[in-house]
Amino acid sequence: MFTGLIETVGEVVSLTPQATGARIRVRAASIVKDACEGDSICVNGVCLTAISIRKRSFFADLAPETLMRTNFSTLKPGDLVNLERSLLPTTRLGGHLLQGHVDGVASIVSIKGLGDGNWWLTIALPEALERYLVFKGSIAIDGISLTVATVEGNEVGVTIIPHTWLHTNLQQRKPGDLVNLETDVIAKYVEKMLSHISIPK
């Protein structure tokens, strides 16, 4: 589990196709300093298992499902990715609970400066995910826990505060880029439970 509070930004060193899926190498010295093989690391909102940990980087295998549901197939060496280690029982839950299980990708519609280091980010949601977003609800965009500020049709707007802008890969993003989305898992459980309830006429 994760909180959506990004610890640091890493750099993609390589993304190598395999017979099935791919293998990614990410450079991030602060993340691997106490990492062990098999640890979960959230990369752009995707829970990956760290393997072959080096002094300043780690590798992770990407399943075909991961490549299909995320923006990883668009990554290239030099790209920046948001990183978070899995939370400890003693960790303050400052964001919201994330599983690192991406629901789909969204396209960035616009990124506009609001002044004083604040930004307004608008994304276009896939139709299948629209029902899970509500005003003032939570959403993870590339692993960043954010609050939904507006919902207009399939477009969702969020405010990016200066700290988030400076400490994530959003500075590198531009309209048309694809970002990974994870909606609130509680909404999905509620939907499933309600689907089994019969309401008397």
N, C-alpha and C. Protein backbone atom coordinates (compact mmCIF):
# COMPACT_ATOMS: atom_id res chain seq x y z
N MET A 1 0.84 -1.19 0.00
CA MET A 1 0.00 0.00 0.00
C MET A 1 0.88 1.25 0.00
N PHE A 2 0.30 2.34 -0.54
CA PHE A 2 1.04 3.59 -0.67
C PHE A 2 0.13 4.74 -0.25
N THR A 3 0.70 5.93 -0.16
CA THR A 3 -0.08 7.09 0.27
C THR A 3 -0.30 8.11 -0.84
N GLY A 4 0.48 8.02 -1.92
CA GLY A 4 0.38 9.02 -2.97
C GLY A 4 1.19 10.27 -2.69
N LEU A 5 2.02 10.22 -1.62
CA LEU A 5 2.94 11.33 -1.33
C LEU A 5 4.30 10.94 -1.91
N ILE A 6 4.69 11.58 -2.98
CA ILE A 6 5.89 11.21 -3.72
C ILE A 6 7.14 11.50 -2.88
N GLU A 7 8.01 10.48 -2.77
CA GLU A 7 9.25 10.65 -2.01
C GLU A 7 10.34 11.34 -2.82
N THR A 8 10.44 10.95 -4.07
CA THR A 8 11.48 11.53 -4.92
C THR A 8 11.14 11.24 -6.38
N VAL A 9 11.88 11.87 -7.27
CA VAL A 9 11.73 11.61 -8.70
C VAL A 9 12.94 10.82 -9.17
N GLY A 10 12.69 9.73 -9.88
CA GLY A 10 13.76 8.93 -10.42
C GLY A 10 13.88 9.14 -11.92
N GLU A 11 14.91 8.57 -12.51
CA GLU A 11 15.14 8.69 -13.94
C GLU A 11 15.16 7.30 -14.59
N VAL A 12 14.42 7.16 -15.67
CA VAL A 12 14.44 5.90 -16.41
C VAL A 12 15.80 5.76 -17.08
N VAL A 13 16.49 4.67 -16.77
CA VAL A 13 17.78 4.38 -17.39
C VAL A 13 17.57 3.57 -18.66
N SER A 14 16.67 2.59 -18.57
CA SER A 14 16.40 1.75 -19.74
C SER A 14 15.03 1.10 -19.61
N LEU A 15 14.45 0.77 -20.74
CA LEU A 15 13.21 -0.01 -20.81
C LEU A 15 13.43 -1.03 -21.91
N THR A 16 13.66 -2.27 -21.51
CA THR A 16 14.08 -3.31 -22.44
C THR A 16 12.97 -4.32 -22.68
N PRO A 17 12.49 -4.44 -23.92
CA PRO A 17 11.48 -5.46 -24.21
C PRO A 17 12.01 -6.86 -23.92
N GLN A 18 11.13 -7.71 -23.38
CA GLN A 18 11.47 -9.11 -23.12
C GLN A 18 10.56 -9.99 -23.98
N ALA A 19 10.80 -11.28 -23.95
CA ALA A 19 9.93 -12.19 -24.70
C ALA A 19 8.48 -11.99 -24.27
N THR A 20 8.27 -11.76 -22.97
CA THR A 20 6.95 -11.42 -22.45
C THR A 20 7.10 -10.20 -21.56
N GLY A 21 6.49 -9.09 -21.92
CA GLY A 21 6.58 -7.88 -21.12
C GLY A 21 7.87 -7.12 -21.37
N ALA A 22 8.41 -6.52 -20.32
CA ALA A 22 9.62 -5.71 -20.45
C ALA A 22 10.29 -5.61 -19.09
N ARG A 23 11.51 -5.07 -19.09
CA ARG A 23 12.24 -4.81 -17.85
C ARG A 23 12.66 -3.35 -17.84
N ILE A 24 12.39 -2.69 -16.72
CA ILE A 24 12.73 -1.28 -16.57
C ILE A 24 13.84 -1.12 -15.54
N ARG A 25 14.72 -0.17 -15.79
CA ARG A 25 15.74 0.19 -14.81
C ARG A 25 15.55 1.66 -14.46
N VAL A 26 15.48 1.93 -13.16
CA VAL A 26 15.23 3.29 -12.67
C VAL A 26 16.37 3.71 -11.75
N ARG A 27 16.91 4.90 -12.00
CA ARG A 27 17.97 5.45 -11.14
C ARG A 27 17.33 6.31 -10.06
N ALA A 28 17.61 5.96 -8.79
CA ALA A 28 17.08 6.71 -7.65
C ALA A 28 17.82 6.27 -6.41
N ALA A 29 18.94 6.93 -6.13
CA ALA A 29 19.82 6.51 -5.04
C ALA A 29 19.11 6.50 -3.68
N SER A 30 18.27 7.51 -3.42
CA SER A 30 17.64 7.60 -2.10
C SER A 30 16.61 6.50 -1.88
N ILE A 31 16.03 5.98 -2.94
CA ILE A 31 15.02 4.94 -2.81
C ILE A 31 15.67 3.57 -2.55
N VAL A 32 16.82 3.32 -3.14
CA VAL A 32 17.44 1.98 -3.04
C VAL A 32 18.38 1.85 -1.84
N LYS A 33 18.62 2.93 -1.11
CA LYS A 33 19.62 2.87 -0.03
C LYS A 33 19.26 1.84 1.03
N ASP A 34 17.97 1.61 1.28
CA ASP A 34 17.59 0.59 2.26
C ASP A 34 16.65 -0.45 1.65
N ALA A 35 16.65 -0.54 0.32
CA ALA A 35 15.75 -1.47 -0.37
C ALA A 35 16.32 -2.88 -0.39
N CYS A 36 15.43 -3.84 -0.38
CA CYS A 36 15.80 -5.24 -0.50
C CYS A 36 15.10 -5.82 -1.73
N GLU A 37 15.70 -6.83 -2.32
CA GLU A 37 15.07 -7.48 -3.47
C GLU A 37 13.70 -8.00 -3.06
N GLY A 38 12.69 -7.72 -3.87
CA GLY A 38 11.33 -8.13 -3.56
C GLY A 38 10.48 -7.03 -2.96
N ASP A 39 11.11 -5.90 -2.60
CA ASP A 39 10.33 -4.78 -2.06
C ASP A 39 9.42 -4.19 -3.13
N SER A 40 8.29 -3.63 -2.67
CA SER A 40 7.37 -2.94 -3.57
C SER A 40 7.76 -1.47 -3.65
N ILE A 41 7.86 -0.97 -4.87
CA ILE A 41 8.13 0.45 -5.10
C ILE A 41 7.10 0.96 -6.11
N CYS A 42 6.47 2.06 -5.78
CA CYS A 42 5.46 2.64 -6.66
C CYS A 42 6.16 3.57 -7.65
N VAL A 43 6.03 3.24 -8.92
CA VAL A 43 6.67 4.00 -10.00
C VAL A 43 5.57 4.60 -10.88
N ASN A 44 5.43 5.92 -10.85
CA ASN A 44 4.34 6.59 -11.59
C ASN A 44 2.98 5.97 -11.27
N GLY A 45 2.82 5.59 -10.00
CA GLY A 45 1.53 5.04 -9.58
C GLY A 45 1.37 3.56 -9.77
N VAL A 46 2.41 2.88 -10.25
CA VAL A 46 2.34 1.44 -10.51
C VAL A 46 3.18 0.70 -9.49
N CYS A 47 2.57 -0.24 -8.78
CA CYS A 47 3.30 -1.04 -7.80
C CYS A 47 4.17 -2.05 -8.54
N LEU A 48 5.50 -1.91 -8.38
CA LEU A 48 6.45 -2.82 -9.03
C LEU A 48 7.30 -3.51 -7.97
N THR A 49 7.77 -4.70 -8.30
CA THR A 49 8.65 -5.45 -7.41
C THR A 49 10.09 -5.20 -7.81
N ALA A 50 10.86 -4.66 -6.89
CA ALA A 50 12.26 -4.34 -7.16
C ALA A 50 13.10 -5.62 -7.22
N ILE A 51 13.89 -5.74 -8.28
CA ILE A 51 14.82 -6.87 -8.41
C ILE A 51 16.18 -6.31 -8.78
N SER A 52 17.21 -7.10 -8.58
CA SER A 52 18.56 -6.71 -8.98
C SER A 52 18.88 -5.28 -8.57
N ILE A 53 18.86 -5.04 -7.27
CA ILE A 53 19.10 -3.69 -6.75
C ILE A 53 20.59 -3.36 -6.83
N ARG A 54 20.89 -2.21 -7.40
CA ARG A 54 22.27 -1.73 -7.51
C ARG A 54 22.48 -0.57 -6.54
N LYS A 55 23.67 0.01 -6.57
CA LYS A 55 24.00 1.08 -5.62
C LYS A 55 23.11 2.31 -5.80
N ARG A 56 22.78 2.63 -7.04
CA ARG A 56 22.00 3.85 -7.31
C ARG A 56 20.73 3.59 -8.13
N SER A 57 20.42 2.32 -8.40
CA SER A 57 19.26 2.03 -9.25
C SER A 57 18.67 0.67 -8.94
N PHE A 58 17.52 0.40 -9.52
CA PHE A 58 16.89 -0.92 -9.38
C PHE A 58 16.21 -1.29 -10.69
N PHE A 59 16.00 -2.58 -10.86
CA PHE A 59 15.29 -3.11 -12.01
C PHE A 59 13.92 -3.62 -11.55
N ALA A 60 12.97 -3.67 -12.46
CA ALA A 60 11.67 -4.27 -12.19
C ALA A 60 11.13 -4.85 -13.50
N ASP A 61 10.46 -5.97 -13.39
CA ASP A 61 9.85 -6.59 -14.57
C ASP A 61 8.43 -6.07 -14.75
N LEU A 62 8.06 -5.82 -16.00
CA LEU A 62 6.74 -5.31 -16.34
C LEU A 62 5.97 -6.39 -17.08
N ALA A 63 4.86 -6.79 -16.51
CA ALA A 63 4.02 -7.80 -17.15
C ALA A 63 3.29 -7.18 -18.35
N PRO A 64 2.84 -8.01 -19.29
CA PRO A 64 2.07 -7.48 -20.43
C PRO A 64 0.86 -6.66 -19.98
N GLU A 65 0.20 -7.09 -18.89
CA GLU A 65 -0.95 -6.35 -18.36
C GLU A 65 -0.54 -4.94 -17.94
N THR A 66 0.63 -4.82 -17.33
CA THR A 66 1.13 -3.51 -16.89
C THR A 66 1.37 -2.60 -18.10
N LEU A 67 1.98 -3.14 -19.12
CA LEU A 67 2.25 -2.35 -20.32
C LEU A 67 0.95 -1.92 -21.01
N MET A 68 -0.06 -2.80 -20.94
CA MET A 68 -1.33 -2.51 -21.61
C MET A 68 -2.13 -1.43 -20.88
N ARG A 69 -2.08 -1.41 -19.55
CA ARG A 69 -2.95 -0.54 -18.77
C ARG A 69 -2.30 0.77 -18.32
N THR A 70 -1.01 0.92 -18.55
CA THR A 70 -0.31 2.11 -18.05
C THR A 70 0.36 2.88 -19.19
N ASN A 71 1.05 3.96 -18.82
CA ASN A 71 1.78 4.74 -19.82
C ASN A 71 3.23 4.27 -19.96
N PHE A 72 3.55 3.10 -19.40
CA PHE A 72 4.93 2.64 -19.42
C PHE A 72 5.47 2.38 -20.82
N SER A 73 4.60 2.02 -21.73
CA SER A 73 5.07 1.74 -23.09
C SER A 73 5.57 3.01 -23.78
N THR A 74 5.26 4.18 -23.22
CA THR A 74 5.72 5.45 -23.80
C THR A 74 7.00 5.96 -23.14
N LEU A 75 7.43 5.29 -22.06
CA LEU A 75 8.63 5.76 -21.35
C LEU A 75 9.88 5.52 -22.18
N LYS A 76 10.86 6.40 -21.98
CA LYS A 76 12.15 6.26 -22.66
C LYS A 76 13.26 6.72 -21.73
N PRO A 77 14.50 6.32 -21.98
CA PRO A 77 15.61 6.74 -21.13
C PRO A 77 15.64 8.26 -20.97
N GLY A 78 15.84 8.69 -19.73
CA GLY A 78 15.87 10.12 -19.43
C GLY A 78 14.56 10.65 -18.88
N ASP A 79 13.45 9.92 -19.09
CA ASP A 79 12.17 10.36 -18.55
C ASP A 79 12.20 10.31 -17.03
N LEU A 80 11.48 11.24 -16.40
CA LEU A 80 11.39 11.26 -14.94
C LEU A 80 10.14 10.53 -14.49
N VAL A 81 10.27 9.78 -13.40
CA VAL A 81 9.13 9.03 -12.85
C VAL A 81 9.02 9.31 -11.35
N ASN A 82 7.77 9.35 -10.88
CA ASN A 82 7.49 9.58 -9.47
C ASN A 82 7.67 8.28 -8.69
N LEU A 83 8.33 8.36 -7.52
CA LEU A 83 8.64 7.16 -6.75
C LEU A 83 8.16 7.28 -5.31
N GLU A 84 7.66 6.16 -4.80
CA GLU A 84 7.27 6.07 -3.39
C GLU A 84 7.46 4.64 -2.92
N ARG A 85 8.10 4.48 -1.78
CA ARG A 85 8.22 3.15 -1.18
C ARG A 85 6.93 2.80 -0.46
N SER A 86 6.68 1.50 -0.27
CA SER A 86 5.46 1.09 0.41
C SER A 86 5.45 1.61 1.83
N LEU A 87 4.25 1.89 2.35
CA LEU A 87 4.15 2.51 3.65
C LEU A 87 4.37 1.50 4.78
N LEU A 88 4.82 2.03 5.91
CA LEU A 88 5.00 1.23 7.12
C LEU A 88 3.78 1.43 8.02
N PRO A 89 3.53 0.50 8.96
CA PRO A 89 2.39 0.68 9.87
C PRO A 89 2.50 1.95 10.71
N THR A 90 3.72 2.48 10.84
CA THR A 90 3.92 3.69 11.64
C THR A 90 3.87 4.96 10.81
N THR A 91 3.64 4.83 9.50
CA THR A 91 3.65 6.00 8.62
C THR A 91 2.38 6.82 8.78
N ARG A 92 2.53 8.15 8.79
CA ARG A 92 1.34 9.01 8.74
C ARG A 92 0.72 8.89 7.36
N LEU A 93 -0.58 8.71 7.31
CA LEU A 93 -1.28 8.57 6.04
C LEU A 93 -1.71 9.96 5.56
N GLY A 94 -0.75 10.68 4.96
CA GLY A 94 -1.01 12.06 4.58
C GLY A 94 -1.79 12.21 3.29
N GLY A 95 -1.77 11.20 2.41
CA GLY A 95 -2.50 11.29 1.15
C GLY A 95 -3.78 10.48 1.26
N HIS A 96 -3.91 9.43 0.44
CA HIS A 96 -5.01 8.49 0.60
C HIS A 96 -4.47 7.11 0.23
N LEU A 97 -5.19 6.06 0.60
CA LEU A 97 -4.70 4.71 0.37
C LEU A 97 -4.67 4.37 -1.12
N LEU A 98 -3.48 3.99 -1.58
CA LEU A 98 -3.30 3.58 -2.97
C LEU A 98 -2.79 2.15 -2.99
N GLN A 99 -3.23 1.39 -3.98
CA GLN A 99 -2.75 0.03 -4.13
C GLN A 99 -1.61 -0.07 -5.13
N GLY A 100 -1.50 0.94 -5.98
CA GLY A 100 -0.52 0.84 -7.05
C GLY A 100 -1.03 0.00 -8.20
N HIS A 101 -2.35 -0.19 -8.25
CA HIS A 101 -3.00 -0.95 -9.32
C HIS A 101 -3.70 0.05 -10.25
N VAL A 102 -3.06 0.37 -11.32
CA VAL A 102 -3.56 1.41 -12.22
C VAL A 102 -4.84 0.96 -12.94
N ASP A 103 -5.84 1.85 -12.94
CA ASP A 103 -7.12 1.54 -13.60
C ASP A 103 -7.09 1.86 -15.09
N GLY A 104 -6.24 2.79 -15.48
CA GLY A 104 -6.18 3.17 -16.88
C GLY A 104 -5.34 4.42 -17.04
N VAL A 105 -5.30 4.92 -18.26
CA VAL A 105 -4.54 6.14 -18.53
C VAL A 105 -5.48 7.25 -18.98
N ALA A 106 -5.03 8.48 -18.74
CA ALA A 106 -5.78 9.67 -19.16
C ALA A 106 -4.85 10.59 -19.91
N SER A 107 -5.43 11.40 -20.76
CA SER A 107 -4.65 12.36 -21.53
C SER A 107 -4.71 13.72 -20.85
N ILE A 108 -3.55 14.39 -20.78
CA ILE A 108 -3.53 15.74 -20.22
C ILE A 108 -4.13 16.71 -21.24
N VAL A 109 -5.13 17.45 -20.81
CA VAL A 109 -5.79 18.45 -21.66
C VAL A 109 -5.02 19.76 -21.60
N SER A 110 -4.68 20.18 -20.37
CA SER A 110 -3.95 21.45 -20.23
C SER A 110 -3.25 21.52 -18.88
N ILE A 111 -2.20 22.31 -18.84
CA ILE A 111 -1.50 22.64 -17.60
C ILE A 111 -1.29 24.15 -17.62
N LYS A 112 -1.95 24.84 -16.69
CA LYS A 112 -1.90 26.30 -16.69
C LYS A 112 -1.38 26.84 -15.36
N GLY A 113 -0.48 27.81 -15.44
CA GLY A 113 0.03 28.46 -14.25
C GLY A 113 -1.02 29.35 -13.62
N LEU A 114 -1.13 29.28 -12.28
CA LEU A 114 -2.09 30.09 -11.55
C LEU A 114 -1.42 31.23 -10.79
N GLY A 115 -0.09 31.23 -10.83
CA GLY A 115 0.65 32.24 -10.09
C GLY A 115 1.16 31.69 -8.76
N ASP A 116 2.24 32.29 -8.27
CA ASP A 116 2.85 31.89 -6.99
C ASP A 116 3.24 30.41 -6.96
N GLY A 117 3.57 29.85 -8.11
CA GLY A 117 4.02 28.47 -8.15
C GLY A 117 2.92 27.43 -8.18
N ASN A 118 1.67 27.86 -8.24
CA ASN A 118 0.53 26.94 -8.31
C ASN A 118 0.13 26.70 -9.76
N TRP A 119 -0.41 25.50 -10.02
CA TRP A 119 -0.78 25.12 -11.38
C TRP A 119 -2.14 24.45 -11.39
N TRP A 120 -2.79 24.53 -12.54
CA TRP A 120 -4.09 23.87 -12.73
C TRP A 120 -3.91 22.81 -13.82
N LEU A 121 -4.18 21.57 -13.45
CA LEU A 121 -4.03 20.44 -14.37
C LEU A 121 -5.40 19.89 -14.72
N THR A 122 -5.67 19.76 -16.02
CA THR A 122 -6.93 19.18 -16.49
C THR A 122 -6.62 17.92 -17.30
N ILE A 123 -7.33 16.84 -16.97
CA ILE A 123 -7.15 15.58 -17.70
C ILE A 123 -8.49 15.11 -18.25
N ALA A 124 -8.43 14.32 -19.33
CA ALA A 124 -9.64 13.74 -19.92
C ALA A 124 -9.72 12.28 -19.52
N LEU A 125 -10.76 11.94 -18.77
CA LEU A 125 -10.91 10.58 -18.24
C LEU A 125 -11.41 9.60 -19.28
N PRO A 126 -10.98 8.34 -19.21
CA PRO A 126 -11.63 7.30 -19.99
C PRO A 126 -13.07 7.15 -19.48
N GLU A 127 -13.99 6.87 -20.37
CA GLU A 127 -15.41 6.77 -19.99
C GLU A 127 -15.64 5.78 -18.86
N ALA A 128 -14.91 4.68 -18.85
CA ALA A 128 -15.12 3.63 -17.85
C ALA A 128 -14.78 4.08 -16.43
N LEU A 129 -14.02 5.16 -16.29
CA LEU A 129 -13.60 5.60 -14.95
C LEU A 129 -14.37 6.81 -14.45
N GLU A 130 -15.20 7.41 -15.30
CA GLU A 130 -15.89 8.64 -14.91
C GLU A 130 -16.73 8.47 -13.66
N ARG A 131 -17.38 7.32 -13.50
CA ARG A 131 -18.31 7.14 -12.39
C ARG A 131 -17.62 7.06 -11.03
N TYR A 132 -16.31 6.87 -11.00
CA TYR A 132 -15.59 6.74 -9.73
C TYR A 132 -15.05 8.07 -9.21
N LEU A 133 -15.24 9.15 -9.95
CA LEU A 133 -14.71 10.45 -9.55
C LEU A 133 -15.81 11.36 -9.06
N VAL A 134 -15.58 12.00 -7.92
CA VAL A 134 -16.54 12.94 -7.38
C VAL A 134 -15.81 14.21 -6.95
N PHE A 135 -16.55 15.30 -6.91
CA PHE A 135 -16.01 16.57 -6.46
C PHE A 135 -15.45 16.43 -5.04
N LYS A 136 -14.21 16.86 -4.84
CA LYS A 136 -13.49 16.79 -3.58
C LYS A 136 -13.09 15.36 -3.19
N GLY A 137 -13.26 14.42 -4.12
CA GLY A 137 -12.78 13.07 -3.88
C GLY A 137 -11.29 13.00 -4.18
N SER A 138 -10.72 11.81 -4.04
CA SER A 138 -9.29 11.61 -4.28
C SER A 138 -9.03 10.87 -5.58
N ILE A 139 -7.91 11.19 -6.19
CA ILE A 139 -7.47 10.49 -7.39
C ILE A 139 -5.94 10.46 -7.36
N ALA A 140 -5.36 9.39 -7.89
CA ALA A 140 -3.91 9.32 -8.02
C ALA A 140 -3.56 9.50 -9.49
N ILE A 141 -2.75 10.50 -9.79
CA ILE A 141 -2.28 10.77 -11.16
C ILE A 141 -0.79 10.55 -11.17
N ASP A 142 -0.34 9.55 -11.92
CA ASP A 142 1.08 9.15 -11.92
C ASP A 142 1.57 8.93 -10.50
N GLY A 143 0.69 8.38 -9.65
CA GLY A 143 1.05 8.05 -8.28
C GLY A 143 0.95 9.18 -7.29
N ILE A 144 0.52 10.37 -7.74
CA ILE A 144 0.40 11.54 -6.86
C ILE A 144 -1.03 11.62 -6.32
N SER A 145 -1.16 11.64 -5.01
CA SER A 145 -2.48 11.79 -4.40
C SER A 145 -2.96 13.22 -4.56
N LEU A 146 -4.09 13.40 -5.27
CA LEU A 146 -4.61 14.73 -5.55
C LEU A 146 -6.11 14.78 -5.25
N THR A 147 -6.59 15.99 -5.00
CA THR A 147 -8.00 16.21 -4.71
C THR A 147 -8.70 16.73 -5.96
N VAL A 148 -9.83 16.10 -6.29
CA VAL A 148 -10.61 16.51 -7.46
C VAL A 148 -11.24 17.87 -7.17
N ALA A 149 -10.90 18.86 -7.98
CA ALA A 149 -11.43 20.21 -7.78
C ALA A 149 -12.64 20.50 -8.66
N THR A 150 -12.64 19.94 -9.89
CA THR A 150 -13.79 20.10 -10.78
C THR A 150 -14.00 18.81 -11.57
N VAL A 151 -15.27 18.53 -11.86
CA VAL A 151 -15.64 17.43 -12.75
C VAL A 151 -16.63 17.98 -13.75
N GLU A 152 -16.22 18.09 -15.00
CA GLU A 152 -17.10 18.63 -16.05
C GLU A 152 -17.08 17.65 -17.22
N GLY A 153 -18.15 16.86 -17.31
CA GLY A 153 -18.18 15.82 -18.33
C GLY A 153 -17.09 14.80 -18.03
N ASN A 154 -16.24 14.56 -19.01
CA ASN A 154 -15.16 13.60 -18.79
C ASN A 154 -13.85 14.28 -18.38
N GLU A 155 -13.92 15.61 -18.15
CA GLU A 155 -12.70 16.33 -17.77
C GLU A 155 -12.66 16.60 -16.27
N VAL A 156 -11.49 16.32 -15.68
CA VAL A 156 -11.28 16.52 -14.25
C VAL A 156 -10.16 17.52 -14.06
N GLY A 157 -10.38 18.48 -13.15
CA GLY A 157 -9.37 19.48 -12.86
C GLY A 157 -8.85 19.33 -11.44
N VAL A 158 -7.54 19.49 -11.28
CA VAL A 158 -6.92 19.44 -9.96
C VAL A 158 -5.93 20.60 -9.84
N THR A 159 -5.75 21.07 -8.62
CA THR A 159 -4.75 22.10 -8.36
C THR A 159 -3.45 21.44 -7.94
N ILE A 160 -2.34 21.91 -8.48
CA ILE A 160 -1.02 21.43 -8.11
C ILE A 160 -0.33 22.51 -7.31
N ILE A 161 -0.04 22.23 -6.04
CA ILE A 161 0.62 23.22 -5.20
C ILE A 161 2.11 23.27 -5.53
N PRO A 162 2.80 24.33 -5.13
CA PRO A 162 4.22 24.47 -5.48
C PRO A 162 5.09 23.29 -5.06
N HIS A 163 4.86 22.75 -3.86
CA HIS A 163 5.68 21.61 -3.40
C HIS A 163 5.53 20.42 -4.34
N THR A 164 4.31 20.11 -4.71
CA THR A 164 4.06 18.97 -5.60
C THR A 164 4.68 19.22 -6.97
N TRP A 165 4.55 20.43 -7.48
CA TRP A 165 5.13 20.76 -8.79
C TRP A 165 6.65 20.58 -8.78
N LEU A 166 7.28 21.01 -7.71
CA LEU A 166 8.74 20.99 -7.63
C LEU A 166 9.31 19.59 -7.36
N HIS A 167 8.50 18.71 -6.75
CA HIS A 167 9.02 17.42 -6.32
C HIS A 167 8.43 16.23 -7.04
N THR A 168 7.82 16.46 -8.20
CA THR A 168 7.29 15.35 -9.01
C THR A 168 7.69 15.57 -10.47
N ASN A 169 7.26 14.64 -11.31
CA ASN A 169 7.59 14.74 -12.74
C ASN A 169 6.62 15.63 -13.52
N LEU A 170 5.70 16.30 -12.83
CA LEU A 170 4.71 17.13 -13.54
C LEU A 170 5.36 18.27 -14.33
N GLN A 171 6.53 18.72 -13.87
CA GLN A 171 7.23 19.78 -14.60
C GLN A 171 7.57 19.37 -16.03
N GLN A 172 7.68 18.06 -16.26
CA GLN A 172 8.07 17.53 -17.57
C GLN A 172 6.85 17.26 -18.46
N ARG A 173 5.67 17.32 -17.86
CA ARG A 173 4.46 16.96 -18.60
C ARG A 173 3.97 18.09 -19.50
N LYS A 174 3.23 17.70 -20.54
CA LYS A 174 2.66 18.69 -21.47
C LYS A 174 1.33 18.15 -22.00
N PRO A 175 0.47 19.01 -22.56
CA PRO A 175 -0.80 18.54 -23.11
C PRO A 175 -0.59 17.42 -24.11
N GLY A 176 -1.45 16.41 -24.01
CA GLY A 176 -1.35 15.24 -24.88
C GLY A 176 -0.63 14.07 -24.25
N ASP A 177 0.17 14.34 -23.20
CA ASP A 177 0.86 13.25 -22.50
C ASP A 177 -0.16 12.35 -21.81
N LEU A 178 0.20 11.08 -21.69
CA LEU A 178 -0.64 10.13 -20.97
C LEU A 178 -0.14 9.96 -19.55
N VAL A 179 -1.08 9.95 -18.60
CA VAL A 179 -0.74 9.74 -17.20
C VAL A 179 -1.52 8.54 -16.66
N ASN A 180 -0.93 7.87 -15.68
CA ASN A 180 -1.57 6.72 -15.05
C ASN A 180 -2.59 7.19 -14.02
N LEU A 181 -3.73 6.50 -13.96
CA LEU A 181 -4.79 6.85 -13.01
C LEU A 181 -5.12 5.67 -12.12
N GLU A 182 -5.30 5.96 -10.84
CA GLU A 182 -5.90 5.00 -9.92
C GLU A 182 -7.01 5.71 -9.17
N THR A 183 -8.21 5.21 -9.32
CA THR A 183 -9.36 5.81 -8.64
C THR A 183 -9.46 5.21 -7.23
N ASP A 184 -10.33 5.80 -6.43
CA ASP A 184 -10.48 5.37 -5.04
C ASP A 184 -11.05 3.95 -4.98
N VAL A 185 -10.32 3.05 -4.36
CA VAL A 185 -10.75 1.64 -4.30
C VAL A 185 -12.06 1.49 -3.55
N ILE A 186 -12.34 2.38 -2.60
CA ILE A 186 -13.58 2.29 -1.82
C ILE A 186 -14.79 2.44 -2.75
N ALA A 187 -14.70 3.35 -3.73
CA ALA A 187 -15.81 3.55 -4.67
C ALA A 187 -16.10 2.27 -5.44
N LYS A 188 -15.05 1.53 -5.80
CA LYS A 188 -15.25 0.30 -6.57
C LYS A 188 -15.90 -0.79 -5.73
N TYR A 189 -15.52 -0.88 -4.45
CA TYR A 189 -16.14 -1.86 -3.57
C TYR A 189 -17.61 -1.52 -3.32
N VAL A 190 -17.89 -0.23 -3.11
CA VAL A 190 -19.28 0.18 -2.89
C VAL A 190 -20.13 -0.14 -4.11
N GLU A 191 -19.61 0.13 -5.30
CA GLU A 191 -20.34 -0.17 -6.52
C GLU A 191 -20.68 -1.65 -6.62
N LYS A 192 -19.70 -2.50 -6.30
CA LYS A 192 -19.93 -3.95 -6.40
C LYS A 192 -20.97 -4.41 -5.38
N MET A 193 -20.88 -3.90 -4.16
CA MET A 193 -21.84 -4.31 -3.13
C MET A 193 -23.26 -3.88 -3.48
N LEU A 194 -23.39 -2.65 -3.99
CA LEU A 194 -24.72 -2.15 -4.34
C LEU A 194 -25.33 -2.90 -5.51
N SER A 195 -24.47 -3.44 -6.38
CA SER A 195 -24.99 -4.16 -7.55
C SER A 195 -25.69 -5.46 -7.15
N HIS A 196 -25.46 -5.93 -5.92
CA HIS A 196 -26.08 -7.18 -5.47
C HIS A 196 -27.28 -6.94 -4.56
N ILE A 197 -27.61 -5.65 -4.39
CA ILE A 197 -28.76 -5.34 -3.52
C ILE A 197 -30.00 -5.15 -4.39
N SER A 198 -31.07 -5.89 -4.07
CA SER A 198 -32.33 -5.68 -4.79
C SER A 198 -33.21 -4.72 -4.01
N ILE A 199 -33.64 -3.70 -4.73
CA ILE A 199 -34.51 -2.69 -4.09
C ILE A 199 -35.96 -3.04 -4.41
N PRO A 200 -36.79 -3.23 -3.33
CA PRO A 200 -38.20 -3.59 -3.55
C PRO A 200 -38.94 -2.47 -4.30
N LYS A 201 -39.86 -2.85 -5.18
CA LYS A 201 -40.63 -1.86 -5.94
C LYS A 201 -41.82 -1.42 -5.14
